[in-house]
Amino acid sequence: MSTVSPASLLHWPRTLFARLALILVVGLALAQTFSFLLTMRERDDSMTHMMMGYVEREVASSVALLDHLPPDERAQWLPRLARRSYQFILGPGVTGAPPDAALSERFARSIDEGIGKRYPLTVNAVPGDRERFQVHLRLSDGSPLTIDMRPMVGTPLSSWLPLVLVLQLIVLGACCWLAVRLATGPLKRLANAADTLGPDLKAERLPESGPEEVARAAKAFNAMQDRVSTYMTQRMQILAAITHDLQTPITRMRLRVDVMDDEAAGAKLQQDLKEMESLVKEGVTYARTLHGTNEAPRRIDADALFESIVDDYLDAGQPVTLRGGIGGALMAPPQALKRVVGNLIDNAIKYSGAAEIEVATRKDGRAVIAVLDRGPGIPDESLEAVFEPFVRLEGSRNRQTGGTGLGLAIARQLTLAMDASLTLHHREGGGLEARLVLKKAA
């Protein structure tokens, strides 16, 4: 039963840059939102307290003024005494239940404290309006007076405030993006340098500058490149010395075998010496491919190269066919490419007696060279193992076929040096497909 992690449900970004940027931007946006809401809450509370004190004083003064005015002049003063949150009505108003809204209750208490001692009053909510209530009282001459209240929460926002907040969030987001990019940039350069570190150990050296942690990491990476290069050079020197020293005793042994009276035993010894010499040469070739190839890539006519390879095999009496074409140039080292294709053809002929080459161009612009055979094939679990040096599969690919177990290993190393890929696949109907994928020249 498969499980789905919370990160996959949230489509968590894959790169460290995107993750850090997302965390910082979302965190800042939430912090700014909470800060804005708290500020607005405190602003509204402060404005409400101030408005209640203002209403208390203004209403008390207005009621006192209306009480001292002659009854026939009071109606003229009502528009002057009206405010955004309340107005006066010369009449009994409307009746209803006591106000139950919190803001209305606070304003009603404030008005009661201001004028309730001199003018007994009653308060009720206006039906149908939650934040509206009326205060009923009688002036000194017994005339009814109603104060119609519509409490306001705080003050309205300025029209430019949302724009300023958005611009502020954009500036903070840009600063976060810049900070994260500066922090993750060295990691990206380190990853790119590690990816380009091929068998030739000629990756671009990292600049040992910047923050202390970045400089130390770059210095350590460059030192690692130097150590690995030194180890590889020493190994090549050792293998070259061993190969040179083995040539002399092998030659002496061949001369002695040639003068042996026992022809049957001599033939067997000659075969053994031939295998030893082949193994030594292939071993040195493999060691050199581990250190890359000194051949520089250049623009080549791939179709002409493959045709010449097939012609060479046909001249040697080997059944090799070629189908398809690239129709363009390849940027690759020609001798290394020829060695890879040749090794694949040799394997196909060795285990099936014939080889088919199919060449094509994929939609992504890469060139595909497939070497096909109808041999016994390779088990699924061994499709990658055969690229390891000295690996032979019993019953299909063994020493008696004449191989050293290094052909595919050499082909894979040369392929890596060319920044290409080499894989093995089963063919429908039996057999094996060796698929080489390279970049086309621009």
Protein backbone atom coordinates (compact mmCIF):
# COMPACT_ATOMS: atom_id res chain seq x y z
CA MET A 1 0.00 0.00 0.00
CA SER A 2 1.57 3.29 -1.09
CA THR A 3 1.65 6.31 1.15
CA VAL A 4 1.56 9.93 0.08
CA SER A 5 3.69 12.33 2.07
CA PRO A 6 2.36 15.76 3.08
CA ALA A 7 5.12 17.38 1.01
CA SER A 8 3.86 15.77 -2.18
CA LEU A 9 0.30 16.86 -1.42
CA LEU A 10 1.48 20.45 -1.09
CA HIS A 11 3.62 20.23 -4.25
CA TRP A 12 6.72 21.06 -2.24
CA PRO A 13 9.39 22.60 -4.54
CA ARG A 14 12.36 20.40 -5.40
CA THR A 15 15.12 23.03 -5.30
CA LEU A 16 16.57 24.53 -2.13
CA PHE A 17 16.30 28.01 -3.66
CA ALA A 18 12.56 27.64 -4.26
CA ARG A 19 11.94 26.16 -0.81
CA LEU A 20 13.80 28.91 1.08
CA ALA A 21 12.21 31.63 -1.06
CA LEU A 22 8.75 30.18 -0.52
CA ILE A 23 9.23 29.89 3.25
CA LEU A 24 10.55 33.44 3.59
CA VAL A 25 7.96 35.07 1.32
CA VAL A 26 5.04 33.21 2.90
CA GLY A 27 6.39 33.92 6.39
CA LEU A 28 6.78 37.63 5.67
CA ALA A 29 3.34 37.80 4.06
CA LEU A 30 1.72 36.14 7.09
CA ALA A 31 3.68 38.32 9.52
CA GLN A 32 2.69 41.45 7.63
CA THR A 33 -0.95 40.33 7.50
CA PHE A 34 -1.07 39.63 11.24
CA SER A 35 0.69 42.92 11.97
CA PHE A 36 -1.79 44.80 9.77
CA LEU A 37 -4.79 43.14 11.42
CA LEU A 38 -3.49 43.82 14.94
CA THR A 39 -2.70 47.42 14.02
CA MET A 40 -6.16 47.93 12.55
CA ARG A 41 -7.74 46.34 15.65
CA GLU A 42 -5.83 48.65 17.96
CA ARG A 43 -6.60 51.61 15.70
CA ASP A 44 -10.32 50.82 15.70
CA ASP A 45 -10.39 50.42 19.48
CA SER A 46 -8.60 53.72 19.97
CA MET A 47 -10.88 55.52 17.53
CA THR A 48 -13.96 53.98 19.13
CA HIS A 49 -12.93 55.20 22.59
CA MET A 50 -12.22 58.65 21.20
CA MET A 51 -15.53 58.74 19.31
CA MET A 52 -17.51 57.70 22.37
CA GLY A 53 -16.00 60.56 24.37
CA TYR A 54 -16.65 62.92 21.49
CA VAL A 55 -20.26 61.72 21.07
CA GLU A 56 -20.88 62.00 24.78
CA ARG A 57 -19.79 65.64 24.85
CA GLU A 58 -21.39 66.62 21.56
CA VAL A 59 -24.74 64.97 22.32
CA ALA A 60 -24.88 66.54 25.78
CA SER A 61 -24.13 69.97 24.32
CA SER A 62 -26.66 69.52 21.49
CA VAL A 63 -29.44 68.37 23.85
CA ALA A 64 -28.74 71.33 26.15
CA LEU A 65 -28.89 73.72 23.18
CA LEU A 66 -32.17 72.28 21.89
CA ASP A 67 -33.64 72.49 25.40
CA HIS A 68 -32.85 76.23 25.62
CA LEU A 69 -34.13 77.05 22.15
CA PRO A 70 -37.74 78.08 21.57
CA PRO A 71 -39.80 75.15 20.25
CA ASP A 72 -40.38 76.81 16.87
CA GLU A 73 -36.62 77.24 16.24
CA ARG A 74 -35.49 73.71 17.13
CA ALA A 75 -36.21 72.18 13.69
CA GLN A 76 -33.88 74.72 12.03
CA TRP A 77 -30.97 73.57 14.19
CA LEU A 78 -31.35 69.82 13.59
CA PRO A 79 -29.26 69.73 10.33
CA ARG A 80 -26.50 71.74 12.05
CA LEU A 81 -26.37 69.35 14.99
CA ALA A 82 -26.44 66.15 12.90
CA ARG A 83 -23.22 64.13 12.52
CA ARG A 84 -22.19 61.10 10.48
CA SER A 85 -23.00 58.71 13.31
CA TYR A 86 -26.17 60.31 14.73
CA GLN A 87 -28.97 62.79 14.13
CA PHE A 88 -31.78 64.32 16.20
CA ILE A 89 -35.49 63.74 15.62
CA LEU A 90 -38.19 65.95 17.17
CA GLY A 91 -40.56 63.15 17.96
CA PRO A 92 -40.94 59.85 19.83
CA GLY A 93 -39.05 57.79 17.16
CA VAL A 94 -39.59 54.04 16.97
CA THR A 95 -39.81 51.50 19.74
CA GLY A 96 -38.06 48.17 20.06
CA ALA A 97 -36.06 45.86 22.29
CA PRO A 98 -32.96 46.96 24.18
CA PRO A 99 -29.82 46.99 21.99
CA ASP A 100 -27.91 43.72 22.01
CA ALA A 101 -24.97 44.68 19.78
CA ALA A 102 -21.78 45.27 21.74
CA LEU A 103 -20.90 48.55 20.03
CA SER A 104 -24.44 49.91 20.42
CA GLU A 105 -24.43 49.05 24.13
CA ARG A 106 -21.15 50.91 24.62
CA PHE A 107 -22.42 54.05 22.86
CA ALA A 108 -25.72 53.87 24.74
CA ARG A 109 -23.89 53.72 28.09
CA SER A 110 -21.71 56.63 27.07
CA ILE A 111 -24.73 58.79 26.17
CA ASP A 112 -26.50 57.77 29.36
CA GLU A 113 -23.51 58.83 31.44
CA GLY A 114 -23.45 62.18 29.64
CA ILE A 115 -27.11 63.22 29.78
CA GLY A 116 -28.99 60.54 31.64
CA LYS A 117 -28.79 62.29 35.00
CA ARG A 118 -30.54 65.45 33.82
CA TYR A 119 -32.79 63.95 31.13
CA PRO A 120 -34.17 60.51 31.94
CA LEU A 121 -33.90 58.44 28.77
CA THR A 122 -34.69 55.04 27.31
CA VAL A 123 -32.75 53.15 24.68
CA ASN A 124 -33.93 50.56 22.18
CA ALA A 125 -32.56 48.94 19.03
CA VAL A 126 -34.15 49.76 15.69
CA PRO A 127 -35.74 46.59 14.27
CA GLY A 128 -33.95 45.29 11.19
CA ASP A 129 -30.67 47.13 11.85
CA ARG A 130 -28.06 45.45 14.02
CA GLU A 131 -25.87 48.49 14.59
CA ARG A 132 -28.56 51.13 14.98
CA PHE A 133 -30.41 52.28 18.09
CA GLN A 134 -32.44 55.24 19.31
CA VAL A 135 -32.29 57.20 22.56
CA HIS A 136 -35.64 58.66 23.71
CA LEU A 137 -35.93 61.56 26.20
CA ARG A 138 -38.08 64.61 26.97
CA LEU A 139 -36.91 68.16 27.12
CA SER A 140 -37.78 70.55 29.95
CA ASP A 141 -41.03 71.59 28.29
CA GLY A 142 -42.09 67.96 27.81
CA SER A 143 -41.30 67.83 24.06
CA PRO A 144 -40.10 64.39 22.91
CA LEU A 145 -36.59 64.18 21.44
CA THR A 146 -35.03 61.14 19.77
CA ILE A 147 -31.35 60.60 19.08
CA ASP A 148 -30.97 58.21 16.14
CA MET A 149 -27.54 56.54 16.42
CA ARG A 150 -25.57 54.58 13.80
CA PRO A 151 -22.30 53.71 15.57
CA MET A 152 -19.22 53.68 13.33
CA VAL A 153 -16.31 51.32 13.87
CA GLY A 154 -13.06 53.29 13.67
CA THR A 155 -12.33 55.40 10.63
CA PRO A 156 -12.31 54.38 6.97
CA LEU A 157 -9.01 53.34 5.35
CA SER A 158 -7.15 55.67 3.03
CA SER A 159 -7.37 54.66 -0.61
CA TRP A 160 -3.57 54.55 -0.97
CA LEU A 161 -2.95 52.27 2.02
CA PRO A 162 -3.60 48.91 0.23
CA LEU A 163 -1.26 49.95 -2.58
CA VAL A 164 1.48 50.82 -0.10
CA LEU A 165 1.06 47.46 1.63
CA VAL A 166 1.29 45.60 -1.68
CA LEU A 167 4.42 47.55 -2.67
CA GLN A 168 5.92 46.82 0.72
CA LEU A 169 5.26 43.09 0.28
CA ILE A 170 6.83 43.21 -3.20
CA VAL A 171 9.95 44.90 -1.84
CA LEU A 172 10.23 42.35 0.97
CA GLY A 173 9.73 39.50 -1.51
CA ALA A 174 12.45 40.88 -3.79
CA CYS A 175 14.84 41.20 -0.84
CA CYS A 176 14.06 37.60 0.19
CA TRP A 177 14.65 36.40 -3.38
CA LEU A 178 18.01 38.20 -3.52
CA ALA A 179 19.08 36.88 -0.12
CA VAL A 180 18.15 33.30 -0.98
CA ARG A 181 19.87 33.54 -4.35
CA LEU A 182 23.07 34.80 -2.74
CA ALA A 183 22.88 31.99 -0.17
CA THR A 184 22.16 29.15 -2.62
CA GLY A 185 24.23 30.39 -5.56
CA PRO A 186 27.48 28.81 -4.28
CA LEU A 187 25.67 25.50 -3.73
CA LYS A 188 24.45 25.56 -7.33
CA ARG A 189 27.95 26.29 -8.62
CA LEU A 190 29.32 23.46 -6.49
CA ALA A 191 26.69 21.05 -7.87
CA ASN A 192 27.44 22.12 -11.46
CA ALA A 193 31.16 21.64 -10.90
CA ALA A 194 30.53 18.18 -9.47
CA ASP A 195 28.30 17.27 -12.45
CA THR A 196 30.92 18.39 -14.97
CA LEU A 197 33.69 16.47 -13.20
CA GLY A 198 34.14 13.71 -15.75
CA PRO A 199 36.73 11.00 -16.15
CA ASP A 200 39.25 13.56 -17.43
CA LEU A 201 39.01 15.47 -14.11
CA LYS A 202 39.00 18.77 -15.99
CA ALA A 203 36.06 20.43 -14.28
CA GLU A 204 36.15 24.18 -13.83
CA ARG A 205 37.76 25.14 -10.55
CA LEU A 206 35.56 26.98 -8.10
CA PRO A 207 36.54 30.51 -7.01
CA GLU A 208 37.79 30.39 -3.43
CA SER A 209 36.13 33.66 -2.45
CA GLY A 210 32.96 34.91 -0.80
CA PRO A 211 31.69 34.12 2.72
CA GLU A 212 33.93 31.96 4.90
CA GLU A 213 31.73 28.85 4.61
CA VAL A 214 31.52 29.16 0.81
CA ALA A 215 35.25 29.74 0.44
CA ARG A 216 36.05 26.72 2.61
CA ALA A 217 33.70 24.47 0.61
CA ALA A 218 35.20 25.67 -2.71
CA LYS A 219 38.72 25.17 -1.41
CA ALA A 220 37.88 21.65 -0.21
CA PHE A 221 36.30 20.77 -3.57
CA ASN A 222 39.31 22.03 -5.52
CA ALA A 223 41.65 20.11 -3.22
CA MET A 224 39.57 16.97 -3.75
CA GLN A 225 39.90 17.37 -7.52
CA ASP A 226 43.66 17.66 -7.17
CA ARG A 227 43.92 14.57 -4.96
CA VAL A 228 41.74 12.46 -7.26
CA SER A 229 43.73 13.61 -10.29
CA THR A 230 46.96 12.67 -8.52
CA TYR A 231 45.65 9.22 -7.63
CA MET A 232 44.50 8.60 -11.20
CA THR A 233 47.83 9.70 -12.63
CA GLN A 234 49.71 7.43 -10.25
CA ARG A 235 47.49 4.50 -11.19
CA MET A 236 48.09 5.14 -14.87
CA GLN A 237 51.84 5.23 -14.29
CA ILE A 238 51.72 1.94 -12.41
CA LEU A 239 49.63 0.25 -15.11
CA ALA A 240 51.88 1.59 -17.86
CA ALA A 241 54.95 0.27 -16.06
CA ILE A 242 53.35 -3.14 -15.51
CA THR A 243 52.32 -3.33 -19.17
CA HIS A 244 55.79 -2.41 -20.36
CA ASP A 245 57.43 -4.95 -18.09
CA LEU A 246 55.01 -7.71 -19.16
CA GLN A 247 55.72 -7.28 -22.86
CA THR A 248 59.27 -8.62 -22.56
CA PRO A 249 58.48 -11.91 -20.74
CA ILE A 250 55.49 -12.54 -23.00
CA THR A 251 57.72 -12.12 -26.07
CA ARG A 252 60.35 -14.49 -24.61
CA MET A 253 57.67 -17.06 -23.83
CA ARG A 254 56.39 -16.88 -27.42
CA LEU A 255 59.89 -17.49 -28.78
CA ARG A 256 60.33 -20.50 -26.54
CA VAL A 257 56.93 -21.89 -27.50
CA ASP A 258 57.85 -21.60 -31.17
CA VAL A 259 60.77 -24.03 -30.70
CA MET A 260 58.82 -26.57 -28.67
CA ASP A 261 58.60 -30.10 -30.12
CA ASP A 262 55.11 -30.71 -28.75
CA GLU A 263 52.92 -28.87 -31.26
CA ALA A 264 49.66 -29.49 -29.38
CA ALA A 265 51.00 -28.09 -26.13
CA GLY A 266 52.64 -25.24 -28.05
CA ALA A 267 49.35 -24.27 -29.66
CA LYS A 268 47.65 -24.15 -26.28
CA LEU A 269 50.43 -22.03 -24.82
CA GLN A 270 50.25 -19.69 -27.80
CA GLN A 271 46.51 -19.24 -27.17
CA ASP A 272 47.14 -18.52 -23.50
CA LEU A 273 49.83 -15.98 -24.35
CA LYS A 274 47.48 -14.34 -26.85
CA GLU A 275 44.80 -14.01 -24.18
CA MET A 276 47.35 -12.58 -21.71
CA GLU A 277 48.49 -10.00 -24.23
CA SER A 278 44.90 -9.08 -25.10
CA LEU A 279 44.00 -8.77 -21.43
CA VAL A 280 46.97 -6.51 -20.73
CA LYS A 281 46.14 -4.24 -23.68
CA GLU A 282 42.45 -4.05 -22.83
CA GLY A 283 43.29 -3.35 -19.18
CA VAL A 284 45.51 -0.43 -20.11
CA THR A 285 42.83 0.88 -22.51
CA TYR A 286 40.22 0.71 -19.76
CA ALA A 287 42.52 2.52 -17.31
CA ARG A 288 43.05 5.27 -19.85
CA THR A 289 39.31 5.67 -20.41
CA LEU A 290 38.84 6.06 -16.65
CA HIS A 291 41.06 9.13 -16.91
CA GLY A 292 39.08 10.41 -19.88
CA THR A 293 40.21 10.83 -23.45
CA ASN A 294 42.71 13.34 -24.77
CA GLU A 295 40.86 13.50 -28.08
CA ALA A 296 39.02 16.80 -28.43
CA PRO A 297 35.42 16.75 -29.68
CA ARG A 298 34.91 18.15 -33.15
CA ARG A 299 32.19 18.45 -35.75
CA ILE A 300 31.96 15.18 -37.69
CA ASP A 301 29.77 13.74 -40.45
CA ALA A 302 28.20 10.95 -38.41
CA ASP A 303 26.51 9.19 -41.35
CA ALA A 304 29.79 8.97 -43.24
CA LEU A 305 31.54 7.67 -40.11
CA PHE A 306 28.99 4.90 -39.58
CA GLU A 307 29.09 3.92 -43.26
CA SER A 308 32.87 3.58 -43.10
CA ILE A 309 32.60 1.42 -39.97
CA VAL A 310 30.09 -0.89 -41.67
CA ASP A 311 32.25 -1.06 -44.83
CA ASP A 312 35.24 -2.16 -42.75
CA TYR A 313 33.25 -5.01 -41.23
CA LEU A 314 31.82 -6.04 -44.60
CA ASP A 315 35.33 -6.11 -46.06
CA ALA A 316 36.28 -8.45 -43.22
CA GLY A 317 33.38 -10.74 -44.11
CA GLN A 318 31.22 -9.81 -41.11
CA PRO A 319 27.41 -9.55 -41.58
CA VAL A 320 26.74 -5.97 -40.46
CA THR A 321 23.87 -3.84 -41.81
CA LEU A 322 23.08 -0.12 -41.46
CA ARG A 323 19.62 1.50 -41.55
CA GLY A 324 18.56 5.10 -41.16
CA GLY A 325 20.63 8.23 -40.82
CA ILE A 326 21.14 11.32 -38.70
CA GLY A 327 21.10 13.83 -41.51
CA GLY A 328 23.41 16.23 -39.72
CA ALA A 329 26.65 16.63 -37.86
CA LEU A 330 27.67 15.41 -34.40
CA MET A 331 29.99 17.11 -31.95
CA ALA A 332 32.08 14.21 -30.60
CA PRO A 333 35.62 12.81 -30.58
CA PRO A 334 35.59 10.62 -33.74
CA GLN A 335 38.06 7.93 -32.60
CA ALA A 336 36.32 7.49 -29.26
CA LEU A 337 32.92 7.27 -30.98
CA LYS A 338 34.32 4.76 -33.46
CA ARG A 339 35.73 2.70 -30.59
CA VAL A 340 32.39 2.65 -28.76
CA VAL A 341 30.38 1.62 -31.83
CA GLY A 342 33.02 -0.93 -32.76
CA ASN A 343 32.92 -2.54 -29.31
CA LEU A 344 29.14 -2.80 -29.50
CA ILE A 345 29.28 -4.35 -32.99
CA ASP A 346 31.96 -6.83 -31.86
CA ASN A 347 29.75 -7.94 -28.97
CA ALA A 348 26.75 -8.38 -31.26
CA ILE A 349 28.75 -10.45 -33.76
CA LYS A 350 30.39 -12.45 -31.00
CA TYR A 351 27.12 -13.62 -29.43
CA SER A 352 24.73 -13.73 -32.41
CA GLY A 353 26.90 -13.92 -35.52
CA ALA A 354 25.53 -10.65 -37.02
CA ALA A 355 24.87 -7.03 -36.10
CA GLU A 356 22.28 -4.46 -37.17
CA ILE A 357 22.83 -0.72 -36.77
CA GLU A 358 19.89 1.68 -36.68
CA VAL A 359 20.57 5.41 -36.67
CA ALA A 360 17.92 8.07 -36.09
CA THR A 361 17.29 11.52 -34.61
CA ARG A 362 14.84 12.00 -31.73
CA LYS A 363 12.40 14.88 -31.36
CA ASP A 364 14.59 16.49 -28.68
CA GLY A 365 17.42 16.78 -31.23
CA ARG A 366 19.59 13.94 -29.89
CA ALA A 367 21.09 11.28 -32.11
CA VAL A 368 20.37 7.62 -31.31
CA ILE A 369 22.66 4.83 -32.50
CA ALA A 370 21.23 1.38 -31.78
CA VAL A 371 23.29 -1.80 -32.28
CA LEU A 372 20.95 -4.82 -32.42
CA ASP A 373 21.54 -8.56 -32.29
CA ARG A 374 19.52 -11.79 -32.00
CA GLY A 375 21.76 -13.41 -29.44
CA PRO A 376 20.83 -15.08 -26.13
CA GLY A 377 20.36 -11.72 -24.44
CA ILE A 378 21.10 -10.71 -20.86
CA PRO A 379 18.96 -11.20 -17.71
CA ASP A 380 17.21 -8.09 -16.42
CA GLU A 381 19.25 -7.97 -13.23
CA SER A 382 22.51 -7.96 -15.23
CA LEU A 383 21.77 -5.20 -17.76
CA GLU A 384 23.84 -2.73 -15.72
CA ALA A 385 26.29 -5.20 -14.18
CA VAL A 386 27.85 -6.03 -17.57
CA PHE A 387 29.25 -2.50 -17.76
CA GLU A 388 31.51 -3.28 -14.80
CA PRO A 389 35.06 -4.39 -15.69
CA PHE A 390 35.80 -8.13 -15.97
CA VAL A 391 32.12 -9.09 -15.65
CA ARG A 392 31.11 -12.14 -17.73
CA LEU A 393 27.78 -13.93 -17.68
CA GLU A 394 27.89 -17.71 -17.54
CA GLY A 395 26.18 -19.50 -20.42
CA SER A 396 26.11 -16.50 -22.72
CA ARG A 397 29.17 -14.30 -22.48
CA ASN A 398 32.23 -16.10 -21.07
CA ARG A 399 35.98 -16.37 -21.54
CA GLN A 400 35.70 -19.03 -24.25
CA THR A 401 34.21 -16.46 -26.58
CA GLY A 402 37.55 -14.68 -26.55
CA GLY A 403 36.44 -11.61 -24.57
CA THR A 404 38.25 -9.99 -21.65
CA GLY A 405 35.17 -8.61 -19.93
CA LEU A 406 36.30 -5.02 -20.62
CA GLY A 407 34.63 -4.19 -23.95
CA LEU A 408 31.39 -2.78 -22.52
CA ALA A 409 33.24 -1.17 -19.59
CA ILE A 410 35.49 0.70 -22.02
CA ALA A 411 32.47 1.71 -24.12
CA ARG A 412 30.65 3.06 -21.06
CA GLN A 413 33.66 5.09 -19.89
CA LEU A 414 34.19 6.62 -23.32
CA THR A 415 30.48 7.40 -23.49
CA LEU A 416 30.61 9.24 -20.17
CA ALA A 417 33.60 11.23 -21.39
CA MET A 418 31.55 12.28 -24.45
CA ASP A 419 28.66 13.44 -22.21
CA ALA A 420 26.45 10.78 -23.78
CA SER A 421 24.54 7.74 -22.49
CA LEU A 422 24.83 4.03 -23.23
CA THR A 423 22.16 1.55 -22.12
CA LEU A 424 21.12 -2.02 -22.90
CA HIS A 425 17.55 -3.11 -23.67
CA HIS A 426 15.78 -6.35 -24.56
CA ARG A 427 14.53 -6.69 -28.13
CA GLU A 428 11.08 -7.86 -28.96
CA GLY A 429 11.43 -11.38 -30.30
CA GLY A 430 14.74 -11.99 -28.52
CA GLY A 431 18.14 -10.45 -28.60
CA LEU A 432 19.69 -7.29 -27.26
CA GLU A 433 19.76 -3.61 -28.18
CA ALA A 434 22.70 -1.40 -27.20
CA ARG A 435 21.45 2.20 -27.39
CA LEU A 436 23.89 5.11 -27.63
CA VAL A 437 22.42 8.63 -27.33
CA LEU A 438 24.50 11.71 -28.22
CA LYS A 439 23.92 15.42 -28.63
CA LYS A 440 23.79 16.77 -32.19
CA ALA A 441 25.99 19.66 -33.18
CA ALA A 442 24.34 23.07 -33.08
